[in-house]
Amino acid sequence: MSDSESSVGMLPTTDGLQDGEMGQKFKDNCLRITSPVSPVKFYCCYVVIMVLAVAIVALSVALSVRKTEPVPMETAYAVCPRDWIGFGNKCFYFSEYTSNWTFSQDSCMALEAQLARFDNMEELNFLRRYKGTFDYWIGLHRESLEDPWIWTDSTAYNNLLPIRGVEKHAYLNSNAIKSARIYADRRWICSKTNSYTLKCQNPI
């Protein structure tokens, strides 16, 4: 074989070049499919996933600890009995029936209460607002016209408002506190300290 022929045999052909370029393109395509585009992006995604996983675990632990925390035995929530209305530290009961002052007081005592007592203007305004247009017996009374007004527990009335009239037993109407004879029939209001409680027990 001559030198010229051997030189020609060593030169790459056009088909050989095309095959090489196609092989390189195929290799590049395979790398794009099988390897991440950017190690930095992969690392960022990994960090975000780890942070979210840690946050979820921490939240789950916090919620489980909160649910299993024992409730102190002293924890109590004050409520009024059914059909009573709470205001401040008192519960009030508004009757739907009428009777005299003595029967009204006895009815309140049967409910472990007394005819209504108010100690400030807030309580008085509440009673006025809630009672509507009816007149109600309250717990003020006196032994005679010369004696001071007292509550059913014998404590003195603080004269928050003057009591109109010359009788011995007081009732509340829409405009004022008035006095009437003991045997007059009216609705009544009972009151007692808001001491009913619902106590929480420690979980076993």
C-alpha atoms as a PDB file:
ATOM      1  CA  MET A   1       0.000   0.000   0.000  1.00  0.00           C
ATOM      2  CA  SER A   2       1.403   3.418  -0.985  1.00  0.00           C
ATOM      3  CA  ASP A   3       1.892   6.351   1.359  1.00  0.00           C
ATOM      4  CA  SER A   4      -0.827   8.299  -0.357  1.00  0.00           C
ATOM      5  CA  GLU A   5      -3.299   5.484   0.090  1.00  0.00           C
ATOM      6  CA  SER A   6      -2.424   5.008   3.712  1.00  0.00           C
ATOM      7  CA  SER A   7      -2.796   8.764   4.311  1.00  0.00           C
ATOM      8  CA  VAL A   8      -6.193   8.715   2.742  1.00  0.00           C
ATOM      9  CA  GLY A   9      -7.187   5.752   4.940  1.00  0.00           C
ATOM     10  CA  MET A  10      -6.198   7.681   8.090  1.00  0.00           C
ATOM     11  CA  LEU A  11      -8.292  10.746   7.296  1.00  0.00           C
ATOM     12  CA  PRO A  12     -11.668  10.778   9.037  1.00  0.00           C
ATOM     13  CA  THR A  13     -14.634  10.515   6.792  1.00  0.00           C
ATOM     14  CA  THR A  14     -17.738  12.693   6.876  1.00  0.00           C
ATOM     15  CA  ASP A  15     -19.796   9.777   8.138  1.00  0.00           C
ATOM     16  CA  GLY A  16     -17.374   9.281  11.028  1.00  0.00           C
ATOM     17  CA  LEU A  17     -17.738  12.921  12.099  1.00  0.00           C
ATOM     18  CA  GLN A  18     -21.504  12.733  12.002  1.00  0.00           C
ATOM     19  CA  ASP A  19     -21.498   9.577  14.081  1.00  0.00           C
ATOM     20  CA  GLY A  20     -19.304  11.237  16.705  1.00  0.00           C
ATOM     21  CA  GLU A  21     -21.457  14.328  16.987  1.00  0.00           C
ATOM     22  CA  MET A  22     -24.613  12.271  17.336  1.00  0.00           C
ATOM     23  CA  GLY A  23     -23.000  10.158  20.041  1.00  0.00           C
ATOM     24  CA  GLN A  24     -22.037  13.256  22.008  1.00  0.00           C
ATOM     25  CA  LYS A  25     -25.558  14.669  21.758  1.00  0.00           C
ATOM     26  CA  PHE A  26     -26.994  11.365  22.969  1.00  0.00           C
ATOM     27  CA  LYS A  27     -24.601  11.367  25.884  1.00  0.00           C
ATOM     28  CA  ASP A  28     -25.544  14.943  26.794  1.00  0.00           C
ATOM     29  CA  ASN A  29     -29.245  14.085  26.692  1.00  0.00           C
ATOM     30  CA  CYS A  30     -28.698  11.095  28.964  1.00  0.00           C
ATOM     31  CA  LEU A  31     -26.821  13.259  31.472  1.00  0.00           C
ATOM     32  CA  ARG A  32     -29.671  15.756  31.539  1.00  0.00           C
ATOM     33  CA  ILE A  33     -32.144  12.994  32.380  1.00  0.00           C
ATOM     34  CA  THR A  34     -30.090  11.067  34.922  1.00  0.00           C
ATOM     35  CA  SER A  35     -28.367  13.914  36.804  1.00  0.00           C
ATOM     36  CA  PRO A  36     -29.706  17.100  38.521  1.00  0.00           C
ATOM     37  CA  VAL A  37     -29.549  20.316  36.601  1.00  0.00           C
ATOM     38  CA  SER A  38     -27.755  22.093  39.419  1.00  0.00           C
ATOM     39  CA  PRO A  39     -26.278  20.694  42.676  1.00  0.00           C
ATOM     40  CA  VAL A  40     -27.043  24.028  44.349  1.00  0.00           C
ATOM     41  CA  LYS A  41     -30.752  23.773  43.530  1.00  0.00           C
ATOM     42  CA  PHE A  42     -30.842  20.201  44.758  1.00  0.00           C
ATOM     43  CA  TYR A  43     -29.209  21.226  48.035  1.00  0.00           C
ATOM     44  CA  CYS A  44     -31.713  24.081  48.532  1.00  0.00           C
ATOM     45  CA  CYS A  45     -34.673  21.744  47.983  1.00  0.00           C
ATOM     46  CA  TYR A  46     -33.204  19.278  50.439  1.00  0.00           C
ATOM     47  CA  VAL A  47     -32.771  21.995  53.088  1.00  0.00           C
ATOM     48  CA  VAL A  48     -36.358  23.253  52.622  1.00  0.00           C
ATOM     49  CA  ILE A  49     -37.756  19.732  52.972  1.00  0.00           C
ATOM     50  CA  MET A  50     -35.732  19.131  56.126  1.00  0.00           C
ATOM     51  CA  VAL A  51     -36.869  22.433  57.691  1.00  0.00           C
ATOM     52  CA  LEU A  52     -40.532  21.650  56.974  1.00  0.00           C
ATOM     53  CA  ALA A  53     -40.165  18.150  58.405  1.00  0.00           C
ATOM     54  CA  VAL A  54     -38.600  19.496  61.618  1.00  0.00           C
ATOM     55  CA  ALA A  55     -41.371  22.127  61.946  1.00  0.00           C
ATOM     56  CA  ILE A  56     -44.110  19.502  61.563  1.00  0.00           C
ATOM     57  CA  VAL A  57     -42.508  17.252  64.172  1.00  0.00           C
ATOM     58  CA  ALA A  58     -42.084  20.153  66.617  1.00  0.00           C
ATOM     59  CA  LEU A  59     -45.728  21.217  66.165  1.00  0.00           C
ATOM     60  CA  SER A  60     -46.960  17.673  66.737  1.00  0.00           C
ATOM     61  CA  VAL A  61     -44.914  17.378  69.936  1.00  0.00           C
ATOM     62  CA  ALA A  62     -46.193  20.741  71.216  1.00  0.00           C
ATOM     63  CA  LEU A  63     -49.833  19.813  70.602  1.00  0.00           C
ATOM     64  CA  SER A  64     -49.477  16.422  72.274  1.00  0.00           C
ATOM     65  CA  VAL A  65     -47.840  17.998  75.352  1.00  0.00           C
ATOM     66  CA  ARG A  66     -50.618  20.576  75.589  1.00  0.00           C
ATOM     67  CA  LYS A  67     -53.339  17.927  75.407  1.00  0.00           C
ATOM     68  CA  THR A  68     -51.802  15.822  78.157  1.00  0.00           C
ATOM     69  CA  GLU A  69     -51.130  18.688  80.573  1.00  0.00           C
ATOM     70  CA  PRO A  70     -52.966  17.971  83.843  1.00  0.00           C
ATOM     71  CA  VAL A  71     -55.644  20.499  84.844  1.00  0.00           C
ATOM     72  CA  PRO A  72     -55.212  21.705  88.438  1.00  0.00           C
ATOM     73  CA  MET A  73     -57.897  20.520  90.826  1.00  0.00           C
ATOM     74  CA  GLU A  74     -58.472  24.100  91.912  1.00  0.00           C
ATOM     75  CA  THR A  75     -59.566  25.179  88.425  1.00  0.00           C
ATOM     76  CA  ALA A  76     -63.248  26.086  88.518  1.00  0.00           C
ATOM     77  CA  TYR A  77     -65.656  27.945  86.289  1.00  0.00           C
ATOM     78  CA  ALA A  78     -68.510  29.836  87.913  1.00  0.00           C
ATOM     79  CA  VAL A  79     -71.941  29.464  86.363  1.00  0.00           C
ATOM     80  CA  CYS A  80     -75.503  30.257  87.353  1.00  0.00           C
ATOM     81  CA  PRO A  81     -78.170  27.576  87.719  1.00  0.00           C
ATOM     82  CA  ARG A  82     -80.605  27.009  84.895  1.00  0.00           C
ATOM     83  CA  ASP A  83     -83.186  29.807  84.454  1.00  0.00           C
ATOM     84  CA  TRP A  84     -80.987  32.220  86.422  1.00  0.00           C
ATOM     85  CA  ILE A  85     -79.136  35.162  84.907  1.00  0.00           C
ATOM     86  CA  GLY A  86     -75.621  36.104  85.906  1.00  0.00           C
ATOM     87  CA  PHE A  87     -74.452  39.658  86.378  1.00  0.00           C
ATOM     88  CA  GLY A  88     -71.176  40.477  88.099  1.00  0.00           C
ATOM     89  CA  ASN A  89     -70.728  38.036  90.975  1.00  0.00           C
ATOM     90  CA  LYS A  90     -74.451  37.375  91.426  1.00  0.00           C
ATOM     91  CA  CYS A  91     -77.172  35.236  89.926  1.00  0.00           C
ATOM     92  CA  PHE A  92     -80.710  36.603  89.568  1.00  0.00           C
ATOM     93  CA  TYR A  93     -83.998  34.792  89.116  1.00  0.00           C
ATOM     94  CA  PHE A  94     -87.054  36.623  87.737  1.00  0.00           C
ATOM     95  CA  SER A  95     -90.338  34.936  88.642  1.00  0.00           C
ATOM     96  CA  GLU A  96     -93.207  34.603  86.201  1.00  0.00           C
ATOM     97  CA  TYR A  97     -95.834  34.380  88.928  1.00  0.00           C
ATOM     98  CA  THR A  98     -97.181  36.915  91.422  1.00  0.00           C
ATOM     99  CA  SER A  99     -97.594  36.742  95.172  1.00  0.00           C
ATOM    100  CA  ASN A 100     -97.148  38.783  98.348  1.00  0.00           C
ATOM    101  CA  TRP A 101     -93.769  39.799  99.776  1.00  0.00           C
ATOM    102  CA  THR A 102     -93.612  37.011 102.385  1.00  0.00           C
ATOM    103  CA  PHE A 103     -94.404  34.227  99.927  1.00  0.00           C
ATOM    104  CA  SER A 104     -91.883  35.714  97.490  1.00  0.00           C
ATOM    105  CA  GLN A 105     -89.153  35.643 100.125  1.00  0.00           C
ATOM    106  CA  ASP A 106     -90.030  32.061 101.071  1.00  0.00           C
ATOM    107  CA  SER A 107     -89.843  31.050  97.406  1.00  0.00           C
ATOM    108  CA  CYS A 108     -86.364  32.557  97.117  1.00  0.00           C
ATOM    109  CA  MET A 109     -85.218  30.785 100.290  1.00  0.00           C
ATOM    110  CA  ALA A 110     -86.414  27.487  98.835  1.00  0.00           C
ATOM    111  CA  LEU A 111     -83.982  28.169  95.980  1.00  0.00           C
ATOM    112  CA  GLU A 112     -81.174  28.888  98.493  1.00  0.00           C
ATOM    113  CA  ALA A 113     -81.436  32.598  97.733  1.00  0.00           C
ATOM    114  CA  GLN A 114     -83.033  35.797  99.055  1.00  0.00           C
ATOM    115  CA  LEU A 115     -85.253  38.449  97.565  1.00  0.00           C
ATOM    116  CA  ALA A 116     -83.045  40.482  95.261  1.00  0.00           C
ATOM    117  CA  ARG A 117     -80.315  42.672  96.605  1.00  0.00           C
ATOM    118  CA  PHE A 118     -78.273  45.204  94.615  1.00  0.00           C
ATOM    119  CA  ASP A 119     -75.125  46.877  95.897  1.00  0.00           C
ATOM    120  CA  ASN A 120     -74.334  49.395  93.150  1.00  0.00           C
ATOM    121  CA  MET A 121     -75.898  51.264  90.249  1.00  0.00           C
ATOM    122  CA  GLU A 122     -74.637  48.735  87.713  1.00  0.00           C
ATOM    123  CA  GLU A 123     -76.650  45.961  89.353  1.00  0.00           C
ATOM    124  CA  LEU A 124     -79.692  48.208  89.761  1.00  0.00           C
ATOM    125  CA  ASN A 125     -79.584  49.276  86.121  1.00  0.00           C
ATOM    126  CA  PHE A 126     -79.302  45.639  85.072  1.00  0.00           C
ATOM    127  CA  LEU A 127     -82.413  44.738  87.086  1.00  0.00           C
ATOM    128  CA  ARG A 128     -84.335  47.646  85.611  1.00  0.00           C
ATOM    129  CA  ARG A 129     -83.318  46.769  82.078  1.00  0.00           C
ATOM    130  CA  TYR A 130     -84.093  43.089  82.352  1.00  0.00           C
ATOM    131  CA  LYS A 131     -87.372  43.207  84.275  1.00  0.00           C
ATOM    132  CA  GLY A 132     -89.346  44.858  81.485  1.00  0.00           C
ATOM    133  CA  THR A 133     -92.624  46.556  82.355  1.00  0.00           C
ATOM    134  CA  PHE A 134     -93.552  44.413  85.380  1.00  0.00           C
ATOM    135  CA  ASP A 135     -93.152  45.417  89.019  1.00  0.00           C
ATOM    136  CA  TYR A 136     -91.009  43.071  91.168  1.00  0.00           C
ATOM    137  CA  TRP A 137     -90.585  42.615  94.892  1.00  0.00           C
ATOM    138  CA  ILE A 138     -87.010  43.101  96.091  1.00  0.00           C
ATOM    139  CA  GLY A 139     -85.382  42.351  99.439  1.00  0.00           C
ATOM    140  CA  LEU A 140     -85.721  45.750 101.124  1.00  0.00           C
ATOM    141  CA  HIS A 141     -88.034  46.151 104.114  1.00  0.00           C
ATOM    142  CA  ARG A 142     -88.287  47.998 107.416  1.00  0.00           C
ATOM    143  CA  GLU A 143     -89.929  47.339 110.764  1.00  0.00           C
ATOM    144  CA  SER A 144     -91.625  50.725 111.042  1.00  0.00           C
ATOM    145  CA  LEU A 145     -91.672  54.126 109.376  1.00  0.00           C
ATOM    146  CA  GLU A 146     -89.021  55.335 111.839  1.00  0.00           C
ATOM    147  CA  ASP A 147     -86.642  52.431 111.194  1.00  0.00           C
ATOM    148  CA  PRO A 148     -84.083  52.342 108.371  1.00  0.00           C
ATOM    149  CA  TRP A 149     -84.479  50.137 105.307  1.00  0.00           C
ATOM    150  CA  ILE A 150     -82.614  46.842 105.549  1.00  0.00           C
ATOM    151  CA  TRP A 151     -82.040  43.814 103.336  1.00  0.00           C
ATOM    152  CA  THR A 152     -83.306  40.327 104.147  1.00  0.00           C
ATOM    153  CA  ASP A 153     -79.956  39.459 105.783  1.00  0.00           C
ATOM    154  CA  SER A 154     -80.454  42.480 108.118  1.00  0.00           C
ATOM    155  CA  THR A 155     -77.656  44.574 106.568  1.00  0.00           C
ATOM    156  CA  ALA A 156     -78.423  48.270 106.156  1.00  0.00           C
ATOM    157  CA  TYR A 157     -79.462  49.715 102.810  1.00  0.00           C
ATOM    158  CA  ASN A 158     -76.885  52.186 101.488  1.00  0.00           C
ATOM    159  CA  ASN A 159     -79.593  54.566 100.218  1.00  0.00           C
ATOM    160  CA  LEU A 160     -78.343  54.262  96.660  1.00  0.00           C
ATOM    161  CA  LEU A 161     -81.746  55.556  95.600  1.00  0.00           C
ATOM    162  CA  PRO A 162     -84.537  56.916  97.815  1.00  0.00           C
ATOM    163  CA  ILE A 163     -87.524  54.639  98.370  1.00  0.00           C
ATOM    164  CA  ARG A 164     -90.850  56.284  97.718  1.00  0.00           C
ATOM    165  CA  GLY A 165     -93.956  55.704  99.799  1.00  0.00           C
ATOM    166  CA  VAL A 166     -94.817  55.098 103.437  1.00  0.00           C
ATOM    167  CA  GLU A 167     -95.184  51.311 103.494  1.00  0.00           C
ATOM    168  CA  LYS A 168     -92.729  48.713 104.845  1.00  0.00           C
ATOM    169  CA  HIS A 169     -91.810  46.523 101.844  1.00  0.00           C
ATOM    170  CA  ALA A 170     -90.084  47.637  98.668  1.00  0.00           C
ATOM    171  CA  TYR A 171     -90.572  46.772  95.019  1.00  0.00           C
ATOM    172  CA  LEU A 172     -88.902  47.834  91.816  1.00  0.00           C
ATOM    173  CA  ASN A 173     -90.892  49.469  89.052  1.00  0.00           C
ATOM    174  CA  SER A 174     -89.804  51.044  85.785  1.00  0.00           C
ATOM    175  CA  ASN A 175     -88.946  54.444  87.268  1.00  0.00           C
ATOM    176  CA  ALA A 176     -88.057  54.045  90.927  1.00  0.00           C
ATOM    177  CA  ILE A 177     -88.040  51.939  94.074  1.00  0.00           C
ATOM    178  CA  LYS A 178     -91.386  52.175  95.826  1.00  0.00           C
ATOM    179  CA  SER A 179     -92.960  50.735  98.957  1.00  0.00           C
ATOM    180  CA  ALA A 180     -96.182  48.757  99.222  1.00  0.00           C
ATOM    181  CA  ARG A 181     -98.176  46.742 101.727  1.00  0.00           C
ATOM    182  CA  ILE A 182     -96.913  43.250 102.375  1.00  0.00           C
ATOM    183  CA  TYR A 183     -99.957  41.443 100.976  1.00  0.00           C
ATOM    184  CA  ALA A 184     -99.929  43.107  97.517  1.00  0.00           C
ATOM    185  CA  ASP A 185     -99.358  40.623  94.702  1.00  0.00           C
ATOM    186  CA  ARG A 186     -96.319  41.192  92.499  1.00  0.00           C
ATOM    187  CA  ARG A 187     -93.667  39.211  90.726  1.00  0.00           C
ATOM    188  CA  TRP A 188     -90.372  38.844  92.554  1.00  0.00           C
ATOM    189  CA  ILE A 189     -86.623  38.696  91.921  1.00  0.00           C
ATOM    190  CA  CYS A 190     -84.312  36.353  93.815  1.00  0.00           C
ATOM    191  CA  SER A 191     -80.550  36.803  94.050  1.00  0.00           C
ATOM    192  CA  LYS A 192     -77.580  34.907  95.414  1.00  0.00           C
ATOM    193  CA  THR A 193     -73.816  34.969  95.140  1.00  0.00           C
ATOM    194  CA  ASN A 194     -72.507  33.314  92.009  1.00  0.00           C
ATOM    195  CA  SER A 195     -70.922  30.409  93.895  1.00  0.00           C
ATOM    196  CA  TYR A 196     -72.015  27.474  91.740  1.00  0.00           C
ATOM    197  CA  THR A 197     -68.950  25.909  90.143  1.00  0.00           C
ATOM    198  CA  LEU A 198     -68.011  23.265  87.654  1.00  0.00           C
ATOM    199  CA  LYS A 199     -64.719  21.740  88.817  1.00  0.00           C
ATOM    200  CA  CYS A 200     -62.304  20.118  86.400  1.00  0.00           C
ATOM    201  CA  GLN A 201     -60.789  16.788  87.416  1.00  0.00           C
ATOM    202  CA  ASN A 202     -57.234  15.702  86.637  1.00  0.00           C
ATOM    203  CA  PRO A 203     -57.114  13.151  83.818  1.00  0.00           C
ATOM    204  CA  ILE A 204     -56.149   9.633  84.937  1.00  0.00           C
END
